[in-house]
Amino acid sequence: MNKALTKADIVEAIYTDNTLDKNRMAVKDVVEDLLELMKDAIKTDNTLLISGFGKFEA
């Protein structure tokens, strides 16, 4: 069984990327903002297409 990808997993993966200059709180804020944008788009249109990534529907 596959493990679910969590918000914390995304934050940790970005935070540990050595090519970026950041702090954990800044990364968490960016991930939160991104997920909020996605959620709002799905609430508005019942769907969200991120080209080259995937389609999300409510």
C-alpha atoms as a PDB file:
ATOM      1  CA  MET A   1       0.000   0.000   0.000  1.00  0.00           C
ATOM      2  CA  ASN A   2       1.325   3.450  -0.918  1.00  0.00           C
ATOM      3  CA  LYS A   3       1.841   6.071   1.763  1.00  0.00           C
ATOM      4  CA  ALA A   4      -0.238   9.225   1.346  1.00  0.00           C
ATOM      5  CA  LEU A   5       1.718  12.352   0.466  1.00  0.00           C
ATOM      6  CA  THR A   6       1.099  14.883   3.213  1.00  0.00           C
ATOM      7  CA  LYS A   7       1.557  18.624   3.455  1.00  0.00           C
ATOM      8  CA  ALA A   8       4.383  17.957   5.918  1.00  0.00           C
ATOM      9  CA  ASP A   9       6.083  15.666   3.358  1.00  0.00           C
ATOM     10  CA  ILE A  10       5.950  18.417   0.734  1.00  0.00           C
ATOM     11  CA  VAL A  11       7.326  21.013   3.153  1.00  0.00           C
ATOM     12  CA  GLU A  12      10.154  18.685   4.228  1.00  0.00           C
ATOM     13  CA  ALA A  13      11.102  17.831   0.627  1.00  0.00           C
ATOM     14  CA  ILE A  14      11.314  21.498  -0.331  1.00  0.00           C
ATOM     15  CA  TYR A  15      13.061  22.469   2.904  1.00  0.00           C
ATOM     16  CA  THR A  16      15.772  19.815   2.506  1.00  0.00           C
ATOM     17  CA  ASP A  17      16.475  20.755  -1.127  1.00  0.00           C
ATOM     18  CA  ASN A  18      20.008  22.177  -0.844  1.00  0.00           C
ATOM     19  CA  THR A  19      19.620  24.374  -3.939  1.00  0.00           C
ATOM     20  CA  LEU A  20      17.165  26.717  -2.232  1.00  0.00           C
ATOM     21  CA  ASP A  21      17.836  29.416   0.344  1.00  0.00           C
ATOM     22  CA  LYS A  22      14.911  29.209   2.756  1.00  0.00           C
ATOM     23  CA  ASN A  23      13.711  28.479   6.247  1.00  0.00           C
ATOM     24  CA  ARG A  24      11.149  25.875   7.268  1.00  0.00           C
ATOM     25  CA  MET A  25       8.482  28.439   8.198  1.00  0.00           C
ATOM     26  CA  ALA A  26       8.807  30.231   4.841  1.00  0.00           C
ATOM     27  CA  VAL A  27       8.463  26.914   3.001  1.00  0.00           C
ATOM     28  CA  LYS A  28       5.401  26.007   5.075  1.00  0.00           C
ATOM     29  CA  ASP A  29       3.819  29.385   4.228  1.00  0.00           C
ATOM     30  CA  VAL A  30       4.417  28.895   0.497  1.00  0.00           C
ATOM     31  CA  VAL A  31       2.942  25.372   0.560  1.00  0.00           C
ATOM     32  CA  GLU A  32      -0.078  26.630   2.527  1.00  0.00           C
ATOM     33  CA  ASP A  33      -0.599  29.464   0.009  1.00  0.00           C
ATOM     34  CA  LEU A  34      -0.356  27.081  -2.942  1.00  0.00           C
ATOM     35  CA  LEU A  35      -2.828  24.621  -1.450  1.00  0.00           C
ATOM     36  CA  GLU A  36      -5.229  27.462  -0.595  1.00  0.00           C
ATOM     37  CA  LEU A  37      -5.107  28.690  -4.206  1.00  0.00           C
ATOM     38  CA  MET A  38      -5.819  25.169  -5.426  1.00  0.00           C
ATOM     39  CA  LYS A  39      -8.683  24.714  -2.969  1.00  0.00           C
ATOM     40  CA  ASP A  40     -10.257  28.048  -3.936  1.00  0.00           C
ATOM     41  CA  ALA A  41     -10.048  27.193  -7.649  1.00  0.00           C
ATOM     42  CA  ILE A  42     -11.748  23.844  -7.068  1.00  0.00           C
ATOM     43  CA  LYS A  43     -14.463  25.473  -4.935  1.00  0.00           C
ATOM     44  CA  THR A  44     -15.133  28.042  -7.664  1.00  0.00           C
ATOM     45  CA  ASP A  45     -15.088  25.806 -10.737  1.00  0.00           C
ATOM     46  CA  ASN A  46     -15.395  22.292  -9.207  1.00  0.00           C
ATOM     47  CA  THR A  47     -12.229  21.458 -11.137  1.00  0.00           C
ATOM     48  CA  LEU A  48      -8.587  22.465 -11.354  1.00  0.00           C
ATOM     49  CA  LEU A  49      -6.240  21.602 -14.199  1.00  0.00           C
ATOM     50  CA  ILE A  50      -2.523  22.062 -13.656  1.00  0.00           C
ATOM     51  CA  SER A  51      -1.029  21.558 -17.068  1.00  0.00           C
ATOM     52  CA  GLY A  52       1.618  18.835 -17.088  1.00  0.00           C
ATOM     53  CA  PHE A  53       0.652  17.693 -13.581  1.00  0.00           C
ATOM     54  CA  GLY A  54      -2.955  16.671 -13.174  1.00  0.00           C
ATOM     55  CA  LYS A  55      -6.643  17.450 -12.937  1.00  0.00           C
ATOM     56  CA  PHE A  56      -8.462  17.758  -9.630  1.00  0.00           C
ATOM     57  CA  GLU A  57     -12.235  17.657  -9.273  1.00  0.00           C
ATOM     58  CA  ALA A  58     -14.669  18.067  -6.431  1.00  0.00           C
END
